[in-house]
C-alpha atoms as a PDB file:
ATOM      1  CA  MET A   1       0.000   0.000   0.000  1.00  0.00           C
ATOM      2  CA  SER A   2       1.316   3.428  -0.933  1.00  0.00           C
ATOM      3  CA  ARG A   3       1.028   6.578   1.140  1.00  0.00           C
ATOM      4  CA  PHE A   4       1.790   8.707  -1.908  1.00  0.00           C
ATOM      5  CA  THR A   5       3.449   8.227  -5.281  1.00  0.00           C
ATOM      6  CA  PHE A   6       6.666  10.225  -5.518  1.00  0.00           C
ATOM      7  CA  PRO A   7       6.904  10.164  -9.354  1.00  0.00           C
ATOM      8  CA  ASN A   8       3.367  11.553  -9.678  1.00  0.00           C
ATOM      9  CA  ALA A   9       3.511  13.968  -6.765  1.00  0.00           C
ATOM     10  CA  SER A  10       6.916  15.455  -7.663  1.00  0.00           C
ATOM     11  CA  PRO A  11       7.777  14.521 -11.257  1.00  0.00           C
ATOM     12  CA  LYS A  12      10.710  16.942 -11.610  1.00  0.00           C
ATOM     13  CA  LEU A  13      12.291  15.780  -8.353  1.00  0.00           C
ATOM     14  CA  PHE A  14      11.775  12.143  -9.336  1.00  0.00           C
ATOM     15  CA  GLU A  15      13.341  12.830 -12.740  1.00  0.00           C
ATOM     16  CA  ALA A  16      16.367  14.411 -11.037  1.00  0.00           C
ATOM     17  CA  MET A  17      16.809  11.389  -8.756  1.00  0.00           C
ATOM     18  CA  VAL A  18      16.530   8.994 -11.692  1.00  0.00           C
ATOM     19  CA  SER A  19      19.007  11.123 -13.633  1.00  0.00           C
ATOM     20  CA  LEU A  20      21.526  10.890 -10.787  1.00  0.00           C
ATOM     21  CA  ALA A  21      21.064   7.109 -10.618  1.00  0.00           C
ATOM     22  CA  THR A  22      21.539   6.898 -14.391  1.00  0.00           C
ATOM     23  CA  VAL A  23      24.738   8.958 -14.308  1.00  0.00           C
ATOM     24  CA  LEU A  24      26.085   6.687 -11.567  1.00  0.00           C
ATOM     25  CA  GLY A  25      25.556   3.739 -13.917  1.00  0.00           C
ATOM     26  CA  ASP A  26      27.176   5.388 -16.934  1.00  0.00           C
ATOM     27  CA  ASN A  27      30.957   4.911 -17.143  1.00  0.00           C
ATOM     28  CA  ALA A  28      30.908   3.608 -13.589  1.00  0.00           C
ATOM     29  CA  HIS A  29      34.106   2.953 -11.643  1.00  0.00           C
ATOM     30  CA  THR A  30      32.187   0.599  -9.359  1.00  0.00           C
ATOM     31  CA  ALA A  31      31.357  -2.918 -10.534  1.00  0.00           C
ATOM     32  CA  PRO A  32      27.580  -3.485 -10.699  1.00  0.00           C
ATOM     33  CA  VAL A  33      27.739  -6.389  -8.216  1.00  0.00           C
ATOM     34  CA  LEU A  34      29.589  -4.245  -5.656  1.00  0.00           C
ATOM     35  CA  ARG A  35      27.137  -1.407  -6.191  1.00  0.00           C
ATOM     36  CA  ASP A  36      24.223  -3.807  -5.642  1.00  0.00           C
ATOM     37  CA  LEU A  37      25.872  -5.185  -2.510  1.00  0.00           C
ATOM     38  CA  ILE A  38      26.319  -1.692  -1.092  1.00  0.00           C
ATOM     39  CA  GLU A  39      22.765  -0.689  -1.991  1.00  0.00           C
ATOM     40  CA  CYS A  40      21.441  -3.836  -0.304  1.00  0.00           C
ATOM     41  CA  ARG A  41      23.454  -3.202   2.865  1.00  0.00           C
ATOM     42  CA  VAL A  42      22.363   0.431   3.103  1.00  0.00           C
ATOM     43  CA  SER A  43      18.747  -0.653   2.559  1.00  0.00           C
ATOM     44  CA  GLN A  44      19.090  -3.278   5.315  1.00  0.00           C
ATOM     45  CA  ILE A  45      20.412  -0.679   7.748  1.00  0.00           C
ATOM     46  CA  ASN A  46      17.595   1.727   6.853  1.00  0.00           C
ATOM     47  CA  HIS A  47      14.936  -1.012   6.988  1.00  0.00           C
ATOM     48  CA  CYS A  48      13.737  -0.238   3.473  1.00  0.00           C
ATOM     49  CA  ALA A  49      12.165  -3.480   2.294  1.00  0.00           C
ATOM     50  CA  TYR A  50      11.144  -2.001  -1.059  1.00  0.00           C
ATOM     51  CA  CYS A  51      14.722  -1.026  -2.036  1.00  0.00           C
ATOM     52  CA  LEU A  52      16.222  -4.190  -0.538  1.00  0.00           C
ATOM     53  CA  ARG A  53      13.949  -6.338  -2.682  1.00  0.00           C
ATOM     54  CA  MET A  54      14.804  -4.347  -5.815  1.00  0.00           C
ATOM     55  CA  HIS A  55      18.581  -4.354  -5.284  1.00  0.00           C
ATOM     56  CA  SER A  56      18.655  -8.008  -4.216  1.00  0.00           C
ATOM     57  CA  GLN A  57      17.130  -8.853  -7.587  1.00  0.00           C
ATOM     58  CA  SER A  58      19.665  -6.615  -9.357  1.00  0.00           C
ATOM     59  CA  PHE A  59      22.488  -8.360  -7.452  1.00  0.00           C
ATOM     60  CA  ALA A  60      21.189 -11.731  -8.701  1.00  0.00           C
ATOM     61  CA  ASP A  61      20.752 -10.383 -12.249  1.00  0.00           C
ATOM     62  CA  HIS A  62      24.392  -9.209 -12.227  1.00  0.00           C
ATOM     63  CA  GLY A  63      25.571 -12.689 -11.211  1.00  0.00           C
ATOM     64  CA  GLY A  64      26.089 -12.013  -7.514  1.00  0.00           C
ATOM     65  CA  ASP A  65      26.626 -14.981  -5.211  1.00  0.00           C
ATOM     66  CA  PRO A  66      23.349 -15.659  -3.345  1.00  0.00           C
ATOM     67  CA  VAL A  67      25.285 -16.876  -0.284  1.00  0.00           C
ATOM     68  CA  LYS A  68      27.045 -13.517  -0.089  1.00  0.00           C
ATOM     69  CA  LEU A  69      23.697 -11.738  -0.079  1.00  0.00           C
ATOM     70  CA  THR A  70      22.425 -14.055   2.661  1.00  0.00           C
ATOM     71  CA  MET A  71      25.524 -13.350   4.761  1.00  0.00           C
ATOM     72  CA  LEU A  72      25.459  -9.589   4.138  1.00  0.00           C
ATOM     73  CA  PRO A  73      24.135  -8.624   7.598  1.00  0.00           C
ATOM     74  CA  LEU A  74      27.114 -10.528   9.063  1.00  0.00           C
ATOM     75  CA  TRP A  75      29.751  -9.483   6.528  1.00  0.00           C
ATOM     76  CA  ARG A  76      32.319  -8.593   9.197  1.00  0.00           C
ATOM     77  CA  SER A  77      32.495 -12.176  10.472  1.00  0.00           C
ATOM     78  CA  ALA A  78      31.508 -14.074   7.319  1.00  0.00           C
ATOM     79  CA  GLU A  79      33.814 -15.697   4.785  1.00  0.00           C
ATOM     80  CA  GLY A  80      33.583 -14.875   1.114  1.00  0.00           C
ATOM     81  CA  PHE A  81      33.967 -11.081   1.138  1.00  0.00           C
ATOM     82  CA  SER A  82      37.091  -9.565  -0.395  1.00  0.00           C
ATOM     83  CA  GLU A  83      39.081  -6.945   1.492  1.00  0.00           C
ATOM     84  CA  ALA A  84      37.911  -4.320  -1.024  1.00  0.00           C
ATOM     85  CA  GLU A  85      34.262  -5.324  -0.480  1.00  0.00           C
ATOM     86  CA  ARG A  86      34.781  -5.170   3.278  1.00  0.00           C
ATOM     87  CA  ALA A  87      36.267  -1.677   3.006  1.00  0.00           C
ATOM     88  CA  ALA A  88      33.369  -0.523   0.786  1.00  0.00           C
ATOM     89  CA  LEU A  89      30.758  -2.047   3.111  1.00  0.00           C
ATOM     90  CA  ASP A  90      32.386  -0.435   6.134  1.00  0.00           C
ATOM     91  CA  TRP A  91      32.331   2.929   4.333  1.00  0.00           C
ATOM     92  CA  ALA A  92      28.650   2.383   3.478  1.00  0.00           C
ATOM     93  CA  GLU A  93      27.826   1.670   7.111  1.00  0.00           C
ATOM     94  CA  CYS A  94      29.841   4.650   8.340  1.00  0.00           C
ATOM     95  CA  LEU A  95      28.183   7.088   5.936  1.00  0.00           C
ATOM     96  CA  THR A  96      24.730   5.693   6.677  1.00  0.00           C
ATOM     97  CA  LYS A  97      25.054   5.723  10.468  1.00  0.00           C
ATOM     98  CA  VAL A  98      27.516   8.653  10.871  1.00  0.00           C
ATOM     99  CA  GLU A  99      28.670   7.736  14.373  1.00  0.00           C
ATOM    100  CA  SER A 100      31.796   9.910  14.588  1.00  0.00           C
ATOM    101  CA  GLN A 101      34.368  11.749  12.507  1.00  0.00           C
ATOM    102  CA  ALA A 102      37.101   9.531  13.954  1.00  0.00           C
ATOM    103  CA  ARG A 103      35.253   6.411  12.771  1.00  0.00           C
ATOM    104  CA  LEU A 104      34.717   7.951   9.327  1.00  0.00           C
ATOM    105  CA  SER A 105      38.432   8.770   9.079  1.00  0.00           C
ATOM    106  CA  GLN A 106      39.392   5.228  10.060  1.00  0.00           C
ATOM    107  CA  SER A 107      37.038   3.769   7.459  1.00  0.00           C
ATOM    108  CA  HIS A 108      38.297   6.170   4.800  1.00  0.00           C
ATOM    109  CA  ARG A 109      41.914   5.106   5.441  1.00  0.00           C
ATOM    110  CA  GLN A 110      40.904   1.470   4.865  1.00  0.00           C
ATOM    111  CA  LEU A 111      39.006   2.438   1.743  1.00  0.00           C
ATOM    112  CA  ARG A 112      42.056   4.188   0.276  1.00  0.00           C
ATOM    113  CA  GLU A 113      43.978   0.912   0.416  1.00  0.00           C
ATOM    114  CA  HIS A 114      41.638  -0.517  -2.245  1.00  0.00           C
ATOM    115  CA  PHE A 115      40.140   2.370  -4.203  1.00  0.00           C
ATOM    116  CA  GLN A 116      41.306   5.490  -6.024  1.00  0.00           C
ATOM    117  CA  GLU A 117      39.848   8.936  -5.291  1.00  0.00           C
ATOM    118  CA  ALA A 118      37.367   8.828  -8.202  1.00  0.00           C
ATOM    119  CA  GLU A 119      36.145   5.420  -7.035  1.00  0.00           C
ATOM    120  CA  ILE A 120      35.763   6.646  -3.444  1.00  0.00           C
ATOM    121  CA  SER A 121      33.843   9.659  -4.682  1.00  0.00           C
ATOM    122  CA  GLU A 122      31.544   7.416  -6.702  1.00  0.00           C
ATOM    123  CA  LEU A 123      31.061   4.970  -3.810  1.00  0.00           C
ATOM    124  CA  SER A 124      30.164   7.913  -1.562  1.00  0.00           C
ATOM    125  CA  CYS A 125      27.594   9.140  -4.068  1.00  0.00           C
ATOM    126  CA  ILE A 126      26.117   5.627  -4.453  1.00  0.00           C
ATOM    127  CA  ILE A 127      25.752   5.396  -0.675  1.00  0.00           C
ATOM    128  CA  SER A 128      24.291   8.896  -0.343  1.00  0.00           C
ATOM    129  CA  THR A 129      21.862   8.349  -3.193  1.00  0.00           C
ATOM    130  CA  MET A 130      20.758   4.994  -1.765  1.00  0.00           C
ATOM    131  CA  ASN A 131      20.094   6.638   1.588  1.00  0.00           C
ATOM    132  CA  ALA A 132      17.919   9.222  -0.175  1.00  0.00           C
ATOM    133  CA  TRP A 133      16.021   6.541  -2.136  1.00  0.00           C
ATOM    134  CA  ASN A 134      15.532   4.537   1.085  1.00  0.00           C
ATOM    135  CA  ARG A 135      13.945   7.473   2.831  1.00  0.00           C
ATOM    136  CA  LEU A 136      11.681   8.139  -0.139  1.00  0.00           C
ATOM    137  CA  GLY A 137      10.763   4.453  -0.295  1.00  0.00           C
ATOM    138  CA  ILE A 138      10.009   4.330   3.421  1.00  0.00           C
ATOM    139  CA  ALA A 139       7.926   7.502   3.173  1.00  0.00           C
ATOM    140  CA  GLN A 140       5.886   6.135   0.268  1.00  0.00           C
ATOM    141  CA  HIS A 141       5.359   2.455   1.055  1.00  0.00           C
ATOM    142  CA  GLU A 142       3.789   0.867   4.098  1.00  0.00           C
ATOM    143  CA  PHE A 143       4.778  -2.602   2.834  1.00  0.00           C
ATOM    144  CA  ALA A 144       7.117  -3.832   0.110  1.00  0.00           C
END
């Protein structure tokens, strides 16, 4: 059940959000499977069932390992995640929860071991955009 329909209620804002998502997909530095993994983790943290369902399907469509998706809530203690994925997931959690500047700095140092500045910038935008979509999804949908 929908509370309101964002694309109908605010078509120009919706178009801008879709445009940003499209640009993130064009000439991306981030592999689609990693992007999906990050979007799923951010959606889990934000309790956005609608976005989690959508990005879980995208992860599968891009050939993502279903076991990895199952273990995503426990990625810190689970096998099967690369060091780069761990750094990106930690960054996603830090930017989503924003606990402290010291924690953000620590996460960023780990991220720099695996990603270049343009990749970090893109990852940050993916995370920020997913947080925005989550909040819009939560505002619109009572159930996913």
